[in-house]
N, C-alpha and C. Protein backbone atom coordinates (compact mmCIF):
# COMPACT_ATOMS: atom_id res chain seq x y z
N MET A 1 85.36 78.56 115.71
CA MET A 1 85.12 79.74 114.85
C MET A 1 83.65 79.82 114.39
N PRO A 2 82.88 80.32 115.28
CA PRO A 2 81.38 80.36 114.93
C PRO A 2 81.11 81.37 113.81
N HIS A 3 81.88 82.39 113.64
CA HIS A 3 81.57 83.36 112.57
C HIS A 3 81.81 82.79 111.24
N TYR A 4 82.89 81.96 111.01
CA TYR A 4 83.11 81.49 109.69
C TYR A 4 82.73 80.06 109.50
N GLY A 5 82.32 79.32 110.50
CA GLY A 5 81.95 78.02 110.35
C GLY A 5 82.94 77.10 111.11
N THR A 6 82.66 75.77 111.12
CA THR A 6 83.67 74.91 111.74
C THR A 6 84.42 74.00 110.86
N ASN A 7 84.16 74.06 109.57
CA ASN A 7 84.94 73.26 108.66
C ASN A 7 85.84 74.16 107.71
N ILE A 8 86.69 74.93 108.35
CA ILE A 8 87.57 75.82 107.62
C ILE A 8 88.92 75.15 107.37
N ARG A 9 89.51 75.34 106.13
CA ARG A 9 90.85 74.80 105.85
C ARG A 9 91.58 75.88 105.11
N VAL A 10 92.89 75.92 105.30
CA VAL A 10 93.75 76.95 104.69
C VAL A 10 94.77 76.23 103.71
N CYS A 11 94.79 76.60 102.48
CA CYS A 11 95.87 76.13 101.53
C CYS A 11 96.76 77.30 101.19
N TYR A 12 98.04 77.28 101.45
CA TYR A 12 98.85 78.38 101.25
C TYR A 12 100.18 77.84 100.83
N ASP A 13 100.87 78.55 99.89
CA ASP A 13 102.16 78.08 99.28
C ASP A 13 103.24 77.75 100.32
N VAL A 14 103.19 78.49 101.52
CA VAL A 14 104.15 78.18 102.55
C VAL A 14 103.42 78.00 103.72
N GLY A 15 102.39 77.01 103.72
CA GLY A 15 101.57 76.68 104.89
C GLY A 15 102.31 76.17 106.03
N CYS A 16 103.49 75.60 105.81
CA CYS A 16 104.23 75.09 106.91
C CYS A 16 104.84 76.24 107.75
N LYS A 17 105.21 77.32 107.09
CA LYS A 17 105.72 78.47 107.79
C LYS A 17 104.54 79.22 108.44
N LEU A 18 103.39 79.29 107.81
CA LEU A 18 102.18 79.82 108.36
C LEU A 18 101.76 79.09 109.65
N ARG A 19 101.82 77.78 109.63
CA ARG A 19 101.49 77.01 110.88
C ARG A 19 102.38 77.42 111.98
N ALA A 20 103.66 77.56 111.81
CA ALA A 20 104.69 77.95 112.78
C ALA A 20 104.29 79.33 113.40
N SER A 21 103.99 80.29 112.52
CA SER A 21 103.58 81.62 112.92
C SER A 21 102.43 81.62 113.76
N LEU A 22 101.32 80.85 113.33
CA LEU A 22 100.10 80.83 114.09
C LEU A 22 100.29 80.17 115.44
N GLU A 23 101.15 79.26 115.61
CA GLU A 23 101.38 78.66 116.94
C GLU A 23 102.04 79.69 117.82
N LYS A 24 102.82 80.67 117.30
CA LYS A 24 103.48 81.67 118.13
C LYS A 24 102.57 82.84 118.56
N THR A 25 101.62 83.13 117.70
CA THR A 25 100.80 84.34 117.90
C THR A 25 99.68 84.11 118.86
N GLU A 26 99.28 85.12 119.65
CA GLU A 26 98.18 85.05 120.57
C GLU A 26 96.98 85.74 120.05
N SER A 27 97.13 86.50 118.97
CA SER A 27 96.13 87.37 118.45
C SER A 27 95.03 86.65 117.63
N LEU A 28 95.29 85.40 117.22
CA LEU A 28 94.32 84.66 116.35
C LEU A 28 94.08 83.34 116.94
N PRO A 29 93.58 83.23 118.13
CA PRO A 29 93.33 81.89 118.68
C PRO A 29 92.30 81.07 117.94
N CYS A 30 91.44 81.75 117.21
CA CYS A 30 90.37 81.00 116.57
C CYS A 30 90.88 80.17 115.40
N ILE A 31 91.99 80.46 114.78
CA ILE A 31 92.48 79.67 113.71
C ILE A 31 93.76 78.96 114.01
N LYS A 32 94.10 78.80 115.21
CA LYS A 32 95.32 78.07 115.65
C LYS A 32 95.35 76.68 115.23
N ASN A 33 94.16 76.05 115.26
CA ASN A 33 94.07 74.53 114.97
C ASN A 33 93.49 74.24 113.72
N VAL A 34 93.38 75.31 112.80
CA VAL A 34 92.80 75.06 111.39
C VAL A 34 93.75 74.21 110.61
N PRO A 35 93.31 73.21 109.86
CA PRO A 35 94.16 72.37 109.06
C PRO A 35 94.67 73.20 107.94
N ILE A 36 96.05 73.11 107.74
CA ILE A 36 96.70 73.94 106.72
C ILE A 36 97.47 72.96 105.76
N ALA A 37 97.35 73.17 104.40
CA ALA A 37 98.03 72.48 103.45
C ALA A 37 98.85 73.37 102.51
N VAL A 38 99.65 72.77 101.80
CA VAL A 38 100.46 73.44 100.69
C VAL A 38 100.00 72.93 99.39
N GLY A 39 99.82 73.83 98.42
CA GLY A 39 99.35 73.44 97.14
C GLY A 39 100.37 72.35 96.52
N ILE A 40 99.70 71.46 95.63
CA ILE A 40 100.56 70.28 95.19
C ILE A 40 101.71 70.78 94.33
N PHE A 41 101.69 71.88 93.61
CA PHE A 41 102.78 72.32 92.83
C PHE A 41 103.91 72.85 93.55
N HIS A 42 103.58 73.37 94.84
CA HIS A 42 104.54 74.04 95.63
C HIS A 42 105.16 73.08 96.64
N ILE A 43 104.40 72.05 96.96
CA ILE A 43 104.81 71.12 98.03
C ILE A 43 106.07 70.31 97.60
N LEU A 44 106.41 70.18 96.35
CA LEU A 44 107.41 69.35 95.91
C LEU A 44 108.77 69.96 96.28
N ASN A 45 108.76 71.22 96.55
CA ASN A 45 110.09 71.93 96.92
C ASN A 45 110.22 72.04 98.42
N HIS A 46 109.29 71.39 99.22
CA HIS A 46 109.36 71.46 100.63
C HIS A 46 109.97 70.20 101.16
N SER A 47 110.40 70.11 102.37
CA SER A 47 110.99 68.96 103.04
C SER A 47 110.09 67.81 103.07
N PRO A 48 110.68 66.63 103.14
CA PRO A 48 109.89 65.40 103.30
C PRO A 48 108.93 65.48 104.47
N ALA A 49 109.37 65.90 105.55
CA ALA A 49 108.49 66.11 106.74
C ALA A 49 107.32 66.94 106.39
N CYS A 50 107.55 68.11 105.74
CA CYS A 50 106.47 69.00 105.38
C CYS A 50 105.60 68.39 104.46
N GLN A 51 106.08 67.64 103.48
CA GLN A 51 105.26 66.95 102.52
C GLN A 51 104.29 65.96 103.15
N LEU A 52 104.79 65.35 104.14
CA LEU A 52 103.85 64.31 104.89
C LEU A 52 102.77 65.08 105.77
N THR A 53 103.06 66.21 106.24
CA THR A 53 102.08 66.86 107.12
C THR A 53 101.25 67.83 106.42
N CYS A 54 101.68 68.36 105.24
CA CYS A 54 100.97 69.42 104.58
C CYS A 54 100.44 69.16 103.21
N HIS A 55 100.69 67.96 102.66
CA HIS A 55 100.28 67.55 101.37
C HIS A 55 98.70 67.34 101.34
N PRO A 56 97.86 68.02 100.49
CA PRO A 56 96.38 67.91 100.63
C PRO A 56 95.99 66.53 100.07
N LYS A 57 96.79 65.79 99.32
CA LYS A 57 96.42 64.42 98.84
C LYS A 57 96.72 63.35 99.81
N VAL A 58 97.60 63.65 100.80
CA VAL A 58 98.11 62.69 101.76
C VAL A 58 97.26 62.76 103.03
N ASN A 59 96.73 63.90 103.38
CA ASN A 59 95.95 64.20 104.55
C ASN A 59 94.48 64.07 104.26
N ALA A 60 93.77 63.53 105.26
CA ALA A 60 92.35 63.34 105.17
C ALA A 60 91.59 64.65 105.26
N GLY A 61 90.49 64.73 104.54
CA GLY A 61 89.57 65.94 104.66
C GLY A 61 89.76 66.91 103.58
N TRP A 62 90.64 66.77 102.57
CA TRP A 62 90.96 67.76 101.62
C TRP A 62 90.32 67.36 100.32
N GLY A 63 89.78 66.17 100.15
CA GLY A 63 89.14 65.75 98.95
C GLY A 63 89.96 65.86 97.69
N LEU A 64 89.50 66.38 96.67
CA LEU A 64 90.16 66.52 95.41
C LEU A 64 90.92 67.93 95.26
N GLN A 65 90.92 68.62 96.35
CA GLN A 65 91.54 70.01 96.42
C GLN A 65 93.03 69.92 96.11
N ASP A 66 93.49 70.72 95.15
CA ASP A 66 94.99 70.69 94.91
C ASP A 66 95.63 71.95 95.34
N GLY A 67 94.91 72.95 95.78
CA GLY A 67 95.40 74.08 96.33
C GLY A 67 95.82 75.18 95.36
N GLU A 68 95.54 74.99 94.04
CA GLU A 68 96.13 75.91 93.02
C GLU A 68 94.96 76.71 92.36
N HIS A 69 93.81 76.81 92.95
CA HIS A 69 92.62 77.56 92.32
C HIS A 69 92.96 78.99 92.10
N LEU A 70 93.45 79.63 93.12
CA LEU A 70 93.79 81.11 92.95
C LEU A 70 94.93 81.28 91.88
N GLU A 71 95.85 80.40 91.82
CA GLU A 71 96.87 80.51 90.90
C GLU A 71 96.32 80.39 89.44
N ARG A 72 95.34 79.53 89.18
CA ARG A 72 94.69 79.42 87.94
C ARG A 72 93.82 80.63 87.66
N MET A 73 93.14 81.20 88.67
CA MET A 73 92.46 82.43 88.41
C MET A 73 93.26 83.56 88.04
N TRP A 74 94.44 83.71 88.68
CA TRP A 74 95.40 84.89 88.38
C TRP A 74 95.88 84.64 86.95
N SER A 75 96.14 83.48 86.60
CA SER A 75 96.75 83.14 85.39
C SER A 75 95.73 83.44 84.24
N ASN A 76 94.48 83.19 84.52
CA ASN A 76 93.46 83.60 83.52
C ASN A 76 93.29 85.05 83.39
N LEU A 77 93.59 85.86 84.39
CA LEU A 77 93.50 87.28 84.35
C LEU A 77 94.74 87.98 83.70
N ALA A 78 95.76 87.20 83.45
CA ALA A 78 97.07 87.82 82.89
C ALA A 78 96.79 88.49 81.60
N GLY A 79 95.97 88.00 80.74
CA GLY A 79 95.66 88.70 79.52
C GLY A 79 95.07 90.03 79.65
N SER A 80 94.53 90.36 80.77
CA SER A 80 93.84 91.72 81.03
C SER A 80 94.82 92.71 81.51
N ILE A 81 96.11 92.34 81.82
CA ILE A 81 97.07 93.31 82.38
C ILE A 81 97.28 94.40 81.41
N SER A 82 97.70 94.14 80.11
CA SER A 82 98.00 95.16 79.13
C SER A 82 96.84 95.98 78.84
N MET A 83 95.65 95.41 78.76
CA MET A 83 94.47 96.16 78.47
C MET A 83 94.03 97.13 79.57
N THR A 84 94.30 96.78 80.83
CA THR A 84 93.77 97.56 81.89
C THR A 84 94.78 98.47 82.58
N ARG A 85 96.10 98.27 82.18
CA ARG A 85 97.27 98.95 82.81
C ARG A 85 97.06 100.46 82.91
N SER A 86 96.60 101.08 81.73
CA SER A 86 96.55 102.56 81.68
C SER A 86 95.17 103.08 82.25
N MET A 87 94.27 102.23 82.67
CA MET A 87 92.95 102.62 83.19
C MET A 87 93.03 103.09 84.59
N PHE A 88 92.19 104.05 84.99
CA PHE A 88 92.04 104.37 86.40
C PHE A 88 91.33 103.09 87.11
N SER A 89 91.64 103.03 88.34
CA SER A 89 91.26 101.84 89.07
C SER A 89 89.65 101.66 89.04
N SER A 90 89.01 102.80 88.97
CA SER A 90 87.50 102.76 88.88
C SER A 90 87.03 102.14 87.57
N ASN A 91 87.78 102.44 86.56
CA ASN A 91 87.40 101.87 85.21
C ASN A 91 87.93 100.47 85.05
N ARG A 92 88.95 100.02 85.79
CA ARG A 92 89.46 98.74 85.68
C ARG A 92 88.50 97.67 86.23
N ARG A 93 87.64 98.05 87.09
CA ARG A 93 86.76 97.03 87.72
C ARG A 93 85.80 96.31 86.75
N LEU A 94 85.25 96.96 85.82
CA LEU A 94 84.34 96.39 85.04
C LEU A 94 84.91 95.28 84.10
N PRO A 95 86.01 95.59 83.33
CA PRO A 95 86.58 94.51 82.61
C PRO A 95 87.11 93.22 83.39
N LEU A 96 87.64 93.59 84.69
CA LEU A 96 88.19 92.52 85.47
C LEU A 96 86.96 91.72 85.97
N SER A 97 85.81 92.40 86.37
CA SER A 97 84.64 91.73 86.89
C SER A 97 84.06 90.75 85.73
N ILE A 98 84.13 91.23 84.59
CA ILE A 98 83.56 90.53 83.38
C ILE A 98 84.44 89.32 83.16
N SER A 99 85.68 89.44 83.17
CA SER A 99 86.68 88.36 83.04
C SER A 99 86.43 87.30 84.11
N LEU A 100 86.27 87.76 85.35
CA LEU A 100 86.10 86.76 86.47
C LEU A 100 84.84 86.10 86.33
N GLU A 101 83.73 86.77 85.96
CA GLU A 101 82.46 86.05 85.75
C GLU A 101 82.56 85.08 84.73
N PHE A 102 83.29 85.38 83.59
CA PHE A 102 83.46 84.42 82.56
C PHE A 102 84.28 83.26 82.98
N TYR A 103 85.27 83.47 83.76
CA TYR A 103 86.15 82.42 84.23
C TYR A 103 85.28 81.46 85.19
N ALA A 104 84.53 82.02 86.04
CA ALA A 104 83.68 81.33 86.98
C ALA A 104 82.71 80.44 86.23
N GLN A 105 82.14 81.01 85.20
CA GLN A 105 81.12 80.24 84.40
C GLN A 105 81.79 79.06 83.71
N GLN A 106 82.98 79.30 83.19
CA GLN A 106 83.82 78.18 82.62
C GLN A 106 84.06 77.15 83.63
N GLU A 107 84.45 77.47 84.77
CA GLU A 107 84.75 76.46 85.90
C GLU A 107 83.43 75.65 86.17
N VAL A 108 82.35 76.32 86.30
CA VAL A 108 81.08 75.66 86.53
C VAL A 108 80.65 74.73 85.44
N ASP A 109 80.88 75.27 84.19
CA ASP A 109 80.58 74.35 83.02
C ASP A 109 81.42 73.18 82.98
N ALA A 110 82.63 73.30 83.39
CA ALA A 110 83.64 72.18 83.38
C ALA A 110 83.23 70.94 84.28
N ILE A 111 82.50 71.39 85.39
CA ILE A 111 82.10 70.28 86.31
C ILE A 111 80.65 69.90 86.11
N GLY A 112 80.00 70.43 85.04
CA GLY A 112 78.76 69.91 84.54
C GLY A 112 77.54 70.42 85.35
N MET A 113 77.60 71.51 85.96
CA MET A 113 76.49 72.07 86.72
C MET A 113 75.61 72.91 85.89
């Protein structure tokens, strides 16, 4: 995958199903062998075989990744739903962008950068 780099990994709630679909498709050959994991909060409901092959803490190369970053981001935006519901989409972008910038800064501050 020269366009995206060579160290690409995918973490998806049903990564085991995604892996099976990728193996069957011929339209995406560049990501057929990409490592796929399931987020640690979702993996508990998967089969033991899936847990061994798709758990980011069990497999090498995932570091401290838990696969739940997007879930936390959407949870952070939940408070904006009622405020932006009646806005036109063009007006919704500013408050959501400000919320996401604030969230990103909080995440950076939490790691001490």
